[in-house]
Amino acid sequence: MDSKSFTIEYNGILDTLMTTCHVCEAFGDEDLQKGLKPPLMKEFVALWDTGATASVISENVARLLDLEPTGREIMYHANGSSPVNAHSVNILLPNNVGFSYLKVTECILNGIDILIGMDIISKGDFAITSFCGNTKFSFNMPSTHNIDFRQATPTSSPPAKGIHPHQ
């Protein structure tokens, strides 16, 4: 698989990472081989959220794309859990970084259309820097190398142990 990446530089230090992305009903190479026409992709605003297990689309996105639910899922959130519609979509991030047949859930999102969760983020290399008071956000998919900021800092401490949910 060819590596694709993007970098976005923002003025100032940000507390949220937002990008545009394009979304359409799920569609793949096998659909093209059958002679089917690809669905129209529409542009939306996405918020990147490392605290979200999976990606989410707004009710507005589902309506604008005329998506039919593929089923129902239980979504867990700060207020408990709720049954929500599930959909299968393609998501195209900046610089043509794409995901096909991605299972997403639908819910109310305030001020955004898409929430990019760890189902996408964990597929690549994700880095945020704040050098000289400006936020720079980079994403590369698939992962191509190990990022270790300690190697560039001669006085760094030993690596911290991560918490694994199954330990």
N, C-alpha and C. Protein backbone atom coordinates (compact mmCIF):
# COMPACT_ATOMS: atom_id res chain seq x y z
N MET A 1 0.84 -1.18 0.00
CA MET A 1 0.00 0.00 0.00
C MET A 1 0.89 1.25 0.00
N ASP A 2 0.61 2.18 -0.89
CA ASP A 2 1.37 3.42 -0.95
C ASP A 2 1.04 4.28 0.26
N SER A 3 2.08 4.94 0.75
CA SER A 3 1.90 5.84 1.88
C SER A 3 1.34 7.17 1.40
N LYS A 4 0.37 7.70 2.14
CA LYS A 4 -0.20 9.02 1.86
C LYS A 4 -0.16 9.80 3.15
N SER A 5 0.06 11.10 3.05
CA SER A 5 0.14 11.90 4.26
C SER A 5 -0.33 13.32 3.99
N PHE A 6 -0.56 14.03 5.09
CA PHE A 6 -0.84 15.46 5.01
C PHE A 6 -0.30 16.13 6.26
N THR A 7 0.00 17.41 6.11
CA THR A 7 0.41 18.25 7.23
C THR A 7 -0.35 19.56 7.10
N ILE A 8 -0.89 20.00 8.22
CA ILE A 8 -1.61 21.27 8.26
C ILE A 8 -0.96 22.14 9.33
N GLU A 9 -0.62 23.36 8.95
CA GLU A 9 -0.04 24.31 9.89
C GLU A 9 -1.09 25.36 10.24
N TYR A 10 -1.24 25.59 11.54
CA TYR A 10 -2.22 26.56 12.03
C TYR A 10 -1.47 27.72 12.69
N ASN A 11 -2.05 28.90 12.65
CA ASN A 11 -1.48 30.05 13.36
C ASN A 11 -1.93 29.98 14.81
N GLY A 12 -0.98 29.98 15.71
CA GLY A 12 -1.28 29.93 17.14
C GLY A 12 -1.39 28.51 17.65
N ILE A 13 -1.54 28.39 18.96
CA ILE A 13 -1.70 27.09 19.61
C ILE A 13 -3.20 26.76 19.65
N LEU A 14 -3.55 25.59 19.15
CA LEU A 14 -4.96 25.19 19.10
C LEU A 14 -5.29 24.19 20.19
N ASP A 15 -6.54 24.19 20.62
CA ASP A 15 -7.00 23.17 21.56
C ASP A 15 -7.89 22.15 20.88
N THR A 16 -8.16 22.32 19.59
CA THR A 16 -8.89 21.33 18.80
C THR A 16 -8.24 21.23 17.43
N LEU A 17 -8.26 20.04 16.86
CA LEU A 17 -7.75 19.83 15.50
C LEU A 17 -8.93 19.57 14.58
N MET A 18 -9.08 20.46 13.60
CA MET A 18 -10.17 20.31 12.64
C MET A 18 -9.61 20.36 11.23
N THR A 19 -10.18 19.52 10.38
CA THR A 19 -9.80 19.50 8.97
C THR A 19 -11.08 19.35 8.15
N THR A 20 -10.95 19.53 6.87
CA THR A 20 -12.05 19.15 5.99
C THR A 20 -11.87 17.68 5.64
N CYS A 21 -12.93 17.04 5.24
CA CYS A 21 -12.85 15.69 4.70
C CYS A 21 -14.02 15.51 3.74
N HIS A 22 -13.92 14.52 2.91
CA HIS A 22 -14.98 14.20 1.96
C HIS A 22 -15.55 12.83 2.32
N VAL A 23 -16.86 12.71 2.21
CA VAL A 23 -17.53 11.47 2.60
C VAL A 23 -18.53 11.07 1.51
N CYS A 24 -18.67 9.77 1.32
CA CYS A 24 -19.70 9.24 0.44
C CYS A 24 -20.12 7.87 0.96
N GLU A 25 -21.19 7.37 0.39
CA GLU A 25 -21.62 6.01 0.68
C GLU A 25 -20.46 5.06 0.35
N ALA A 26 -20.32 3.97 1.09
CA ALA A 26 -19.23 3.02 0.86
C ALA A 26 -19.22 2.55 -0.59
N PHE A 27 -18.01 2.50 -1.16
CA PHE A 27 -17.83 2.16 -2.56
C PHE A 27 -16.40 1.68 -2.73
N GLY A 28 -16.18 0.63 -3.51
CA GLY A 28 -14.83 0.10 -3.66
C GLY A 28 -14.51 -0.32 -5.07
N ASP A 29 -13.31 -0.88 -5.24
CA ASP A 29 -12.84 -1.33 -6.55
C ASP A 29 -13.78 -2.37 -7.17
N GLU A 30 -14.32 -3.25 -6.32
CA GLU A 30 -15.22 -4.28 -6.85
C GLU A 30 -16.48 -3.66 -7.45
N ASP A 31 -16.91 -2.52 -6.91
CA ASP A 31 -18.06 -1.81 -7.47
C ASP A 31 -17.72 -1.24 -8.84
N LEU A 32 -16.49 -0.71 -8.99
CA LEU A 32 -16.04 -0.19 -10.28
C LEU A 32 -15.96 -1.32 -11.32
N GLN A 33 -15.48 -2.48 -10.88
CA GLN A 33 -15.37 -3.62 -11.80
C GLN A 33 -16.74 -4.09 -12.28
N LYS A 34 -17.76 -3.86 -11.46
CA LYS A 34 -19.13 -4.21 -11.85
C LYS A 34 -19.75 -3.15 -12.74
N GLY A 35 -19.00 -2.06 -13.00
CA GLY A 35 -19.50 -1.00 -13.86
C GLY A 35 -20.36 0.03 -13.15
N LEU A 36 -20.37 -0.01 -11.82
CA LEU A 36 -21.16 0.95 -11.05
C LEU A 36 -20.44 2.30 -10.99
N LYS A 37 -21.21 3.36 -10.99
CA LYS A 37 -20.67 4.71 -10.94
C LYS A 37 -20.41 5.09 -9.47
N PRO A 38 -19.23 5.65 -9.17
CA PRO A 38 -18.94 6.04 -7.79
C PRO A 38 -19.91 7.11 -7.29
N PRO A 39 -20.31 7.03 -6.02
CA PRO A 39 -21.19 8.06 -5.47
C PRO A 39 -20.46 9.39 -5.34
N LEU A 40 -21.21 10.46 -5.35
CA LEU A 40 -20.66 11.79 -5.20
C LEU A 40 -20.15 11.99 -3.78
N MET A 41 -18.91 12.46 -3.66
CA MET A 41 -18.35 12.77 -2.34
C MET A 41 -18.69 14.21 -2.00
N LYS A 42 -19.05 14.45 -0.74
CA LYS A 42 -19.35 15.80 -0.28
C LYS A 42 -18.37 16.19 0.81
N GLU A 43 -18.06 17.48 0.85
CA GLU A 43 -17.08 17.99 1.82
C GLU A 43 -17.77 18.37 3.14
N PHE A 44 -17.11 18.01 4.24
CA PHE A 44 -17.61 18.31 5.58
C PHE A 44 -16.45 18.73 6.47
N VAL A 45 -16.77 19.24 7.65
CA VAL A 45 -15.77 19.62 8.65
C VAL A 45 -15.63 18.46 9.63
N ALA A 46 -14.38 18.08 9.94
CA ALA A 46 -14.11 16.97 10.85
C ALA A 46 -13.29 17.44 12.04
N LEU A 47 -13.64 16.92 13.20
CA LEU A 47 -12.88 17.13 14.44
C LEU A 47 -12.15 15.83 14.74
N TRP A 48 -10.86 15.92 15.02
CA TRP A 48 -10.05 14.76 15.36
C TRP A 48 -10.10 14.57 16.88
N ASP A 49 -10.45 13.35 17.32
CA ASP A 49 -10.67 13.09 18.73
C ASP A 49 -10.02 11.77 19.15
N THR A 50 -8.87 11.86 19.82
CA THR A 50 -8.17 10.65 20.26
C THR A 50 -8.91 9.96 21.40
N GLY A 51 -9.90 10.62 21.99
CA GLY A 51 -10.69 10.01 23.05
C GLY A 51 -11.88 9.22 22.53
N ALA A 52 -12.12 9.27 21.24
CA ALA A 52 -13.24 8.54 20.64
C ALA A 52 -12.73 7.23 20.05
N THR A 53 -13.35 6.14 20.41
CA THR A 53 -12.94 4.83 19.90
C THR A 53 -13.18 4.72 18.40
N ALA A 54 -14.30 5.24 17.94
CA ALA A 54 -14.68 5.08 16.54
C ALA A 54 -15.15 6.42 15.96
N SER A 55 -15.15 6.50 14.66
CA SER A 55 -15.57 7.71 13.97
C SER A 55 -17.09 7.81 13.93
N VAL A 56 -17.58 9.05 13.87
CA VAL A 56 -19.01 9.33 13.95
C VAL A 56 -19.37 10.36 12.88
N ILE A 57 -20.55 10.21 12.30
CA ILE A 57 -21.07 11.22 11.39
C ILE A 57 -22.30 11.86 12.03
N SER A 58 -22.58 13.08 11.65
CA SER A 58 -23.77 13.76 12.16
C SER A 58 -25.01 13.28 11.41
N GLU A 59 -26.16 13.54 12.00
CA GLU A 59 -27.42 13.24 11.32
C GLU A 59 -27.50 14.01 10.01
N ASN A 60 -26.93 15.22 9.99
CA ASN A 60 -26.92 16.05 8.79
C ASN A 60 -26.15 15.35 7.65
N VAL A 61 -25.01 14.75 7.95
CA VAL A 61 -24.23 14.05 6.93
C VAL A 61 -25.04 12.88 6.37
N ALA A 62 -25.64 12.10 7.26
CA ALA A 62 -26.44 10.95 6.81
C ALA A 62 -27.58 11.41 5.90
N ARG A 63 -28.21 12.51 6.26
CA ARG A 63 -29.33 13.03 5.46
C ARG A 63 -28.85 13.57 4.11
N LEU A 64 -27.78 14.39 4.12
CA LEU A 64 -27.27 14.97 2.87
C LEU A 64 -26.76 13.92 1.89
N LEU A 65 -26.22 12.82 2.41
CA LEU A 65 -25.71 11.75 1.55
C LEU A 65 -26.78 10.70 1.26
N ASP A 66 -27.96 10.88 1.85
CA ASP A 66 -29.06 9.94 1.68
C ASP A 66 -28.63 8.51 2.02
N LEU A 67 -27.93 8.38 3.15
CA LEU A 67 -27.42 7.08 3.57
C LEU A 67 -28.52 6.23 4.20
N GLU A 68 -28.53 4.98 3.84
CA GLU A 68 -29.43 4.01 4.47
C GLU A 68 -28.64 3.34 5.60
N PRO A 69 -29.21 3.24 6.79
CA PRO A 69 -28.50 2.56 7.89
C PRO A 69 -28.20 1.11 7.54
N THR A 70 -27.04 0.64 7.98
CA THR A 70 -26.67 -0.77 7.80
C THR A 70 -27.08 -1.58 9.03
N GLY A 71 -27.55 -0.90 10.06
CA GLY A 71 -27.97 -1.55 11.29
C GLY A 71 -27.99 -0.55 12.43
N ARG A 72 -28.08 -1.07 13.64
CA ARG A 72 -28.08 -0.23 14.85
C ARG A 72 -26.93 -0.69 15.74
N GLU A 73 -26.33 0.26 16.44
CA GLU A 73 -25.23 -0.01 17.37
C GLU A 73 -25.54 0.69 18.69
N ILE A 74 -24.93 0.22 19.74
CA ILE A 74 -25.00 0.93 21.01
C ILE A 74 -23.78 1.84 21.09
N MET A 75 -24.03 3.14 21.25
CA MET A 75 -22.94 4.11 21.39
C MET A 75 -22.81 4.47 22.86
N TYR A 76 -21.58 4.38 23.36
CA TYR A 76 -21.29 4.76 24.74
C TYR A 76 -20.72 6.17 24.75
N HIS A 77 -21.24 7.00 25.64
CA HIS A 77 -20.84 8.40 25.70
C HIS A 77 -20.89 8.88 27.14
N ALA A 78 -20.59 10.16 27.34
CA ALA A 78 -20.50 10.72 28.69
C ALA A 78 -21.80 10.59 29.47
N ASN A 79 -22.93 10.56 28.81
CA ASN A 79 -24.22 10.47 29.50
C ASN A 79 -24.77 9.05 29.56
N GLY A 80 -23.96 8.06 29.22
CA GLY A 80 -24.41 6.67 29.27
C GLY A 80 -24.28 5.99 27.93
N SER A 81 -25.38 5.43 27.44
CA SER A 81 -25.35 4.75 26.14
C SER A 81 -26.69 4.98 25.43
N SER A 82 -26.63 4.88 24.10
CA SER A 82 -27.82 5.09 23.27
C SER A 82 -27.74 4.20 22.04
N PRO A 83 -28.88 3.68 21.59
CA PRO A 83 -28.89 2.98 20.29
C PRO A 83 -28.87 4.01 19.17
N VAL A 84 -28.01 3.81 18.19
CA VAL A 84 -27.87 4.76 17.08
C VAL A 84 -27.75 4.01 15.76
N ASN A 85 -28.01 4.71 14.66
CA ASN A 85 -27.84 4.14 13.33
C ASN A 85 -26.36 3.95 13.02
N ALA A 86 -26.06 2.86 12.33
CA ALA A 86 -24.71 2.60 11.82
C ALA A 86 -24.76 2.73 10.30
N HIS A 87 -23.64 3.17 9.73
CA HIS A 87 -23.54 3.34 8.28
C HIS A 87 -22.17 2.84 7.80
N SER A 88 -22.07 2.56 6.53
CA SER A 88 -20.81 2.20 5.90
C SER A 88 -20.48 3.30 4.89
N VAL A 89 -19.31 3.94 5.08
CA VAL A 89 -18.96 5.09 4.24
C VAL A 89 -17.49 5.00 3.80
N ASN A 90 -17.16 5.83 2.84
CA ASN A 90 -15.77 6.11 2.49
C ASN A 90 -15.47 7.51 3.00
N ILE A 91 -14.29 7.67 3.59
CA ILE A 91 -13.85 8.98 4.06
C ILE A 91 -12.53 9.31 3.40
N LEU A 92 -12.46 10.49 2.80
CA LEU A 92 -11.25 10.98 2.15
C LEU A 92 -10.77 12.19 2.93
N LEU A 93 -9.61 12.06 3.56
CA LEU A 93 -9.01 13.13 4.35
C LEU A 93 -8.18 14.02 3.42
N PRO A 94 -7.60 15.10 3.95
CA PRO A 94 -6.76 15.95 3.10
C PRO A 94 -5.68 15.13 2.37
N ASN A 95 -5.30 15.61 1.19
CA ASN A 95 -4.26 15.02 0.34
C ASN A 95 -4.57 13.57 -0.04
N ASN A 96 -5.86 13.26 -0.20
CA ASN A 96 -6.31 11.95 -0.67
C ASN A 96 -5.92 10.78 0.24
N VAL A 97 -5.83 11.01 1.53
CA VAL A 97 -5.65 9.92 2.49
C VAL A 97 -7.04 9.33 2.70
N GLY A 98 -7.26 8.08 2.25
CA GLY A 98 -8.61 7.57 2.21
C GLY A 98 -8.86 6.27 2.96
N PHE A 99 -10.12 6.09 3.33
CA PHE A 99 -10.59 4.90 4.02
C PHE A 99 -11.89 4.45 3.35
N SER A 100 -11.94 3.18 2.95
CA SER A 100 -13.13 2.63 2.30
C SER A 100 -13.86 1.68 3.24
N TYR A 101 -15.16 1.62 3.06
CA TYR A 101 -16.01 0.72 3.83
C TYR A 101 -15.76 0.86 5.33
N LEU A 102 -15.75 2.09 5.79
CA LEU A 102 -15.55 2.38 7.21
C LEU A 102 -16.91 2.37 7.90
N LYS A 103 -17.02 1.61 8.98
CA LYS A 103 -18.26 1.57 9.76
C LYS A 103 -18.26 2.76 10.72
N VAL A 104 -19.28 3.59 10.60
CA VAL A 104 -19.43 4.76 11.47
C VAL A 104 -20.82 4.73 12.10
N THR A 105 -20.95 5.45 13.19
CA THR A 105 -22.27 5.61 13.80
C THR A 105 -22.74 7.03 13.58
N GLU A 106 -24.02 7.23 13.76
CA GLU A 106 -24.65 8.54 13.52
C GLU A 106 -25.14 9.09 14.86
N CYS A 107 -24.82 10.35 15.11
CA CYS A 107 -25.35 10.98 16.32
C CYS A 107 -25.36 12.49 16.15
N ILE A 108 -25.82 13.17 17.17
CA ILE A 108 -25.84 14.63 17.16
C ILE A 108 -24.45 15.13 17.50
N LEU A 109 -23.88 15.91 16.60
CA LEU A 109 -22.57 16.52 16.82
C LEU A 109 -22.78 18.03 16.76
N ASN A 110 -22.33 18.73 17.75
CA ASN A 110 -22.55 20.18 17.82
C ASN A 110 -21.45 20.95 17.10
N GLY A 111 -21.79 21.58 15.99
CA GLY A 111 -20.86 22.44 15.28
C GLY A 111 -19.92 21.75 14.32
N ILE A 112 -19.97 20.43 14.24
CA ILE A 112 -19.12 19.69 13.31
C ILE A 112 -19.96 18.64 12.61
N ASP A 113 -19.41 18.08 11.55
CA ASP A 113 -20.12 17.07 10.77
C ASP A 113 -19.59 15.67 11.00
N ILE A 114 -18.28 15.57 11.22
CA ILE A 114 -17.60 14.28 11.35
C ILE A 114 -16.70 14.33 12.58
N LEU A 115 -16.66 13.22 13.30
CA LEU A 115 -15.70 13.07 14.39
C LEU A 115 -14.76 11.94 13.97
N ILE A 116 -13.49 12.26 13.81
CA ILE A 116 -12.49 11.25 13.42
C ILE A 116 -11.97 10.62 14.70
N GLY A 117 -12.21 9.31 14.85
CA GLY A 117 -11.81 8.60 16.06
C GLY A 117 -10.59 7.72 15.86
N MET A 118 -10.31 6.94 16.90
CA MET A 118 -9.13 6.09 16.89
C MET A 118 -9.18 4.98 15.86
N ASP A 119 -10.36 4.65 15.32
CA ASP A 119 -10.42 3.66 14.25
C ASP A 119 -9.66 4.13 13.02
N ILE A 120 -9.58 5.44 12.81
CA ILE A 120 -8.79 6.01 11.72
C ILE A 120 -7.40 6.40 12.22
N ILE A 121 -7.33 7.12 13.32
CA ILE A 121 -6.06 7.64 13.83
C ILE A 121 -5.05 6.51 14.04
N SER A 122 -5.50 5.38 14.56
CA SER A 122 -4.58 4.27 14.87
C SER A 122 -4.05 3.55 13.63
N LYS A 123 -4.56 3.88 12.46
CA LYS A 123 -4.09 3.24 11.22
C LYS A 123 -2.84 3.90 10.67
N GLY A 124 -2.39 4.97 11.28
CA GLY A 124 -1.24 5.67 10.74
C GLY A 124 -0.40 6.33 11.82
N ASP A 125 0.44 7.25 11.39
CA ASP A 125 1.27 8.04 12.29
C ASP A 125 0.60 9.39 12.47
N PHE A 126 0.42 9.79 13.71
CA PHE A 126 -0.32 10.99 14.08
C PHE A 126 0.60 11.83 14.96
N ALA A 127 0.90 13.06 14.55
CA ALA A 127 1.81 13.91 15.33
C ALA A 127 1.29 15.33 15.39
N ILE A 128 1.47 15.93 16.57
CA ILE A 128 1.11 17.33 16.78
C ILE A 128 2.32 18.01 17.40
N THR A 129 2.72 19.13 16.84
CA THR A 129 3.79 19.91 17.44
C THR A 129 3.32 21.35 17.62
N SER A 130 3.98 22.04 18.52
CA SER A 130 3.61 23.43 18.83
C SER A 130 4.83 24.34 18.77
N PHE A 131 5.70 24.08 17.85
CA PHE A 131 6.95 24.81 17.73
C PHE A 131 6.71 26.29 17.41
N CYS A 132 7.41 27.17 18.09
CA CYS A 132 7.33 28.61 17.89
C CYS A 132 5.90 29.16 18.03
N GLY A 133 5.11 28.52 18.88
CA GLY A 133 3.77 29.04 19.15
C GLY A 133 2.74 28.76 18.08
N ASN A 134 3.03 27.83 17.15
CA ASN A 134 2.07 27.47 16.11
C ASN A 134 1.87 25.96 16.11
N THR A 135 0.63 25.53 15.98
CA THR A 135 0.32 24.11 15.94
C THR A 135 0.53 23.57 14.53
N LYS A 136 1.21 22.44 14.46
CA LYS A 136 1.39 21.71 13.20
C LYS A 136 0.88 20.29 13.44
N PHE A 137 0.01 19.83 12.55
CA PHE A 137 -0.63 18.53 12.66
C PHE A 137 -0.28 17.72 11.42
N SER A 138 0.28 16.52 11.64
CA SER A 138 0.64 15.64 10.52
C SER A 138 0.04 14.26 10.72
N PHE A 139 -0.37 13.68 9.60
CA PHE A 139 -0.90 12.32 9.63
C PHE A 139 -0.37 11.60 8.40
N ASN A 140 0.10 10.37 8.60
CA ASN A 140 0.64 9.54 7.53
C ASN A 140 0.01 8.16 7.64
N MET A 141 -0.44 7.62 6.51
CA MET A 141 -1.10 6.32 6.52
C MET A 141 -0.66 5.51 5.31
N PRO A 142 -0.25 4.25 5.49
CA PRO A 142 -0.08 3.57 6.76
C PRO A 142 1.18 4.04 7.47
N SER A 143 1.35 3.56 8.68
CA SER A 143 2.53 3.91 9.45
C SER A 143 3.78 3.47 8.68
N THR A 144 4.76 4.35 8.60
CA THR A 144 5.98 4.03 7.85
C THR A 144 7.23 3.99 8.70
N HIS A 145 7.17 4.57 9.89
CA HIS A 145 8.34 4.55 10.76
C HIS A 145 7.93 4.88 12.20
N ASN A 146 8.85 4.67 13.10
CA ASN A 146 8.60 4.94 14.50
C ASN A 146 8.98 6.39 14.81
N ILE A 147 8.06 7.12 15.42
CA ILE A 147 8.34 8.49 15.86
C ILE A 147 8.74 8.42 17.32
N ASP A 148 9.93 8.93 17.64
CA ASP A 148 10.39 8.92 19.03
C ASP A 148 11.12 10.23 19.29
N PHE A 149 10.43 11.17 19.92
CA PHE A 149 11.02 12.47 20.18
C PHE A 149 12.18 12.40 21.18
N ARG A 150 12.26 11.35 21.97
CA ARG A 150 13.36 11.21 22.93
C ARG A 150 14.71 11.12 22.22
N GLN A 151 14.73 10.49 21.06
CA GLN A 151 15.99 10.33 20.33
C GLN A 151 16.59 11.66 19.91
N ALA A 152 15.75 12.66 19.72
CA ALA A 152 16.23 13.98 19.31
C ALA A 152 16.58 14.87 20.50
N THR A 153 16.30 14.40 21.71
CA THR A 153 16.55 15.17 22.92
C THR A 153 17.56 14.42 23.78
N PRO A 154 18.83 14.85 23.83
CA PRO A 154 19.87 14.09 24.52
C PRO A 154 19.65 13.93 26.04
N THR A 155 18.90 14.81 26.67
CA THR A 155 18.71 14.72 28.13
C THR A 155 17.36 14.12 28.49
N SER A 156 16.78 13.36 27.60
CA SER A 156 15.45 12.81 27.85
C SER A 156 15.49 11.67 28.87
N SER A 157 14.37 11.45 29.51
CA SER A 157 14.25 10.39 30.51
C SER A 157 13.86 9.08 29.83
N PRO A 158 13.94 7.96 30.56
CA PRO A 158 13.55 6.67 29.95
C PRO A 158 12.08 6.67 29.57
N PRO A 159 11.70 5.79 28.66
CA PRO A 159 10.31 5.77 28.21
C PRO A 159 9.34 5.44 29.34
N ALA A 160 8.18 6.08 29.29
CA ALA A 160 7.12 5.79 30.25
C ALA A 160 6.39 4.54 29.80
N LYS A 161 5.86 3.80 30.75
CA LYS A 161 5.09 2.60 30.40
C LYS A 161 3.66 3.01 30.09
N GLY A 162 3.14 2.50 29.00
CA GLY A 162 1.76 2.79 28.62
C GLY A 162 0.79 1.91 29.40
N ILE A 163 -0.41 2.35 29.45
CA ILE A 163 -1.47 1.56 30.11
C ILE A 163 -2.23 0.87 29.01
N HIS A 164 -2.27 -0.43 29.07
CA HIS A 164 -3.00 -1.21 28.08
C HIS A 164 -4.33 -1.63 28.70
N PRO A 165 -5.45 -1.46 27.99
CA PRO A 165 -6.76 -1.74 28.58
C PRO A 165 -6.97 -3.20 28.99
N HIS A 166 -6.14 -4.11 28.49
CA HIS A 166 -6.34 -5.52 28.79
C HIS A 166 -5.33 -6.04 29.81
N GLN A 167 -4.63 -5.14 30.50
CA GLN A 167 -3.65 -5.58 31.51
C GLN A 167 -4.29 -5.74 32.84
